[in-house]
Amino acid sequence: MAKCFQIVGSLALSLLVGTTAHASCEEFKAKVESQLQAKGIQSYSLEIVSIGSPPIDATLIAPEMNKPADPGRVIGTCDQGSKQLIYRRR
């Protein structure tokens, strides 16, 4: 579990260093997906959301796991800062 946090943290840091808002969300998402796959991470989801969208309610129960849903982490922004890319573990 700690290793997963380290990988996600290093991925987020490597993506955010030198960048502020990526131009195309789909290109940014594809770049992140390729980096996650290169690191061998398979159980995740990436979602593009508008900034200001209400966050996922952590009290919701993921039916397949019977535990709270992962609210996710913001990996970066895109579309001139109007949207965010959210990483969630499955």
C-alpha atoms as a PDB file:
ATOM      1  CA  MET A   1       0.000   0.000   0.000  1.00  0.00           C
ATOM      2  CA  ALA A   2       2.794   2.410   0.904  1.00  0.00           C
ATOM      3  CA  LYS A   3       4.555   1.575  -2.344  1.00  0.00           C
ATOM      4  CA  CYS A   4       1.405   2.477  -4.282  1.00  0.00           C
ATOM      5  CA  PHE A   5       1.300   5.873  -2.535  1.00  0.00           C
ATOM      6  CA  GLN A   6       4.961   6.414  -3.399  1.00  0.00           C
ATOM      7  CA  ILE A   7       4.364   5.548  -7.054  1.00  0.00           C
ATOM      8  CA  VAL A   8       1.314   7.803  -7.310  1.00  0.00           C
ATOM      9  CA  GLY A   9       3.152  10.614  -5.517  1.00  0.00           C
ATOM     10  CA  SER A  10       6.190  10.348  -7.760  1.00  0.00           C
ATOM     11  CA  LEU A  11       3.951  10.139 -10.825  1.00  0.00           C
ATOM     12  CA  ALA A  12       2.043  13.248  -9.777  1.00  0.00           C
ATOM     13  CA  LEU A  13       5.253  15.110  -9.041  1.00  0.00           C
ATOM     14  CA  SER A  14       6.860  14.110 -12.333  1.00  0.00           C
ATOM     15  CA  LEU A  15       3.767  15.203 -14.252  1.00  0.00           C
ATOM     16  CA  LEU A  16       3.382  18.508 -12.464  1.00  0.00           C
ATOM     17  CA  VAL A  17       7.004  19.660 -12.503  1.00  0.00           C
ATOM     18  CA  GLY A  18       7.375  22.267 -15.205  1.00  0.00           C
ATOM     19  CA  THR A  19       3.719  22.194 -16.228  1.00  0.00           C
ATOM     20  CA  THR A  20       0.707  24.087 -15.046  1.00  0.00           C
ATOM     21  CA  ALA A  21      -2.304  23.257 -17.202  1.00  0.00           C
ATOM     22  CA  HIS A  22      -2.063  20.773 -20.041  1.00  0.00           C
ATOM     23  CA  ALA A  23      -3.723  21.848 -23.255  1.00  0.00           C
ATOM     24  CA  SER A  24      -5.681  18.708 -24.139  1.00  0.00           C
ATOM     25  CA  CYS A  25      -7.253  16.545 -21.449  1.00  0.00           C
ATOM     26  CA  GLU A  26      -7.322  13.457 -23.673  1.00  0.00           C
ATOM     27  CA  GLU A  27      -3.601  13.799 -24.499  1.00  0.00           C
ATOM     28  CA  PHE A  28      -2.774  14.329 -20.830  1.00  0.00           C
ATOM     29  CA  LYS A  29      -4.865  11.307 -19.821  1.00  0.00           C
ATOM     30  CA  ALA A  30      -3.138   9.151 -22.456  1.00  0.00           C
ATOM     31  CA  LYS A  31       0.282  10.281 -21.189  1.00  0.00           C
ATOM     32  CA  VAL A  32      -0.612   9.414 -17.585  1.00  0.00           C
ATOM     33  CA  GLU A  33      -2.055   6.033 -18.642  1.00  0.00           C
ATOM     34  CA  SER A  34       1.121   5.131 -20.508  1.00  0.00           C
ATOM     35  CA  GLN A  35       3.259   6.069 -17.493  1.00  0.00           C
ATOM     36  CA  LEU A  36       1.073   4.031 -15.130  1.00  0.00           C
ATOM     37  CA  GLN A  37       1.232   1.009 -17.446  1.00  0.00           C
ATOM     38  CA  ALA A  38       5.015   1.370 -17.757  1.00  0.00           C
ATOM     39  CA  LYS A  39       5.229   1.195 -13.944  1.00  0.00           C
ATOM     40  CA  GLY A  40       3.069  -1.949 -13.932  1.00  0.00           C
ATOM     41  CA  ILE A  41       0.053  -0.340 -12.244  1.00  0.00           C
ATOM     42  CA  GLN A  42      -3.112  -2.010 -13.504  1.00  0.00           C
ATOM     43  CA  SER A  43      -5.892  -1.450 -11.006  1.00  0.00           C
ATOM     44  CA  TYR A  44      -6.819   2.221 -11.424  1.00  0.00           C
ATOM     45  CA  SER A  45      -9.167   4.608 -13.171  1.00  0.00           C
ATOM     46  CA  LEU A  46      -8.574   8.089 -14.558  1.00  0.00           C
ATOM     47  CA  GLU A  47     -11.415  10.556 -14.853  1.00  0.00           C
ATOM     48  CA  ILE A  48     -11.573  14.040 -16.337  1.00  0.00           C
ATOM     49  CA  VAL A  49     -13.823  16.350 -14.290  1.00  0.00           C
ATOM     50  CA  SER A  50     -14.639  20.045 -14.370  1.00  0.00           C
ATOM     51  CA  ILE A  51     -13.033  22.108 -11.646  1.00  0.00           C
ATOM     52  CA  GLY A  52     -15.660  22.927  -9.087  1.00  0.00           C
ATOM     53  CA  SER A  53     -17.528  19.640  -9.585  1.00  0.00           C
ATOM     54  CA  PRO A  54     -18.630  18.241  -6.257  1.00  0.00           C
ATOM     55  CA  PRO A  55     -16.201  15.576  -5.023  1.00  0.00           C
ATOM     56  CA  ILE A  56     -17.287  11.984  -4.697  1.00  0.00           C
ATOM     57  CA  ASP A  57     -18.963  11.369  -1.379  1.00  0.00           C
ATOM     58  CA  ALA A  58     -16.525   9.124   0.509  1.00  0.00           C
ATOM     59  CA  THR A  59     -19.439   7.674   2.455  1.00  0.00           C
ATOM     60  CA  LEU A  60     -20.726   5.950  -0.664  1.00  0.00           C
ATOM     61  CA  ILE A  61     -20.137   2.245  -0.584  1.00  0.00           C
ATOM     62  CA  ALA A  62     -18.443   0.501  -3.490  1.00  0.00           C
ATOM     63  CA  PRO A  63     -20.764  -2.515  -3.814  1.00  0.00           C
ATOM     64  CA  GLU A  64     -18.143  -4.885  -5.198  1.00  0.00           C
ATOM     65  CA  MET A  65     -15.777  -4.252  -2.266  1.00  0.00           C
ATOM     66  CA  ASN A  66     -18.215  -3.281   0.497  1.00  0.00           C
ATOM     67  CA  LYS A  67     -16.021  -0.391   1.613  1.00  0.00           C
ATOM     68  CA  PRO A  68     -15.989   3.387   1.057  1.00  0.00           C
ATOM     69  CA  ALA A  69     -15.284   4.518  -2.486  1.00  0.00           C
ATOM     70  CA  ASP A  70     -11.881   6.069  -3.128  1.00  0.00           C
ATOM     71  CA  PRO A  71     -12.361   9.847  -3.569  1.00  0.00           C
ATOM     72  CA  GLY A  72      -9.258   9.959  -5.771  1.00  0.00           C
ATOM     73  CA  ARG A  73      -6.329  12.297  -6.159  1.00  0.00           C
ATOM     74  CA  VAL A  74      -5.944  15.240  -8.528  1.00  0.00           C
ATOM     75  CA  ILE A  75      -3.032  14.422 -10.851  1.00  0.00           C
ATOM     76  CA  GLY A  76      -3.120  17.692 -12.803  1.00  0.00           C
ATOM     77  CA  THR A  77      -5.228  20.154 -14.749  1.00  0.00           C
ATOM     78  CA  CYS A  78      -5.997  20.481 -18.454  1.00  0.00           C
ATOM     79  CA  ASP A  79      -8.065  22.457 -20.962  1.00  0.00           C
ATOM     80  CA  GLN A  80      -6.426  25.690 -19.810  1.00  0.00           C
ATOM     81  CA  GLY A  81      -7.067  24.930 -16.160  1.00  0.00           C
ATOM     82  CA  SER A  82     -10.815  24.317 -16.489  1.00  0.00           C
ATOM     83  CA  LYS A  83     -10.659  20.558 -15.825  1.00  0.00           C
ATOM     84  CA  GLN A  84      -8.782  18.138 -13.565  1.00  0.00           C
ATOM     85  CA  LEU A  85      -7.545  14.597 -14.069  1.00  0.00           C
ATOM     86  CA  ILE A  86      -8.482  12.384 -11.108  1.00  0.00           C
ATOM     87  CA  TYR A  87      -6.656   9.117 -10.271  1.00  0.00           C
ATOM     88  CA  ARG A  88      -8.538   6.448  -8.314  1.00  0.00           C
ATOM     89  CA  ARG A  89      -7.388   3.034  -7.133  1.00  0.00           C
ATOM     90  CA  ARG A  90      -9.746   0.137  -7.691  1.00  0.00           C
END
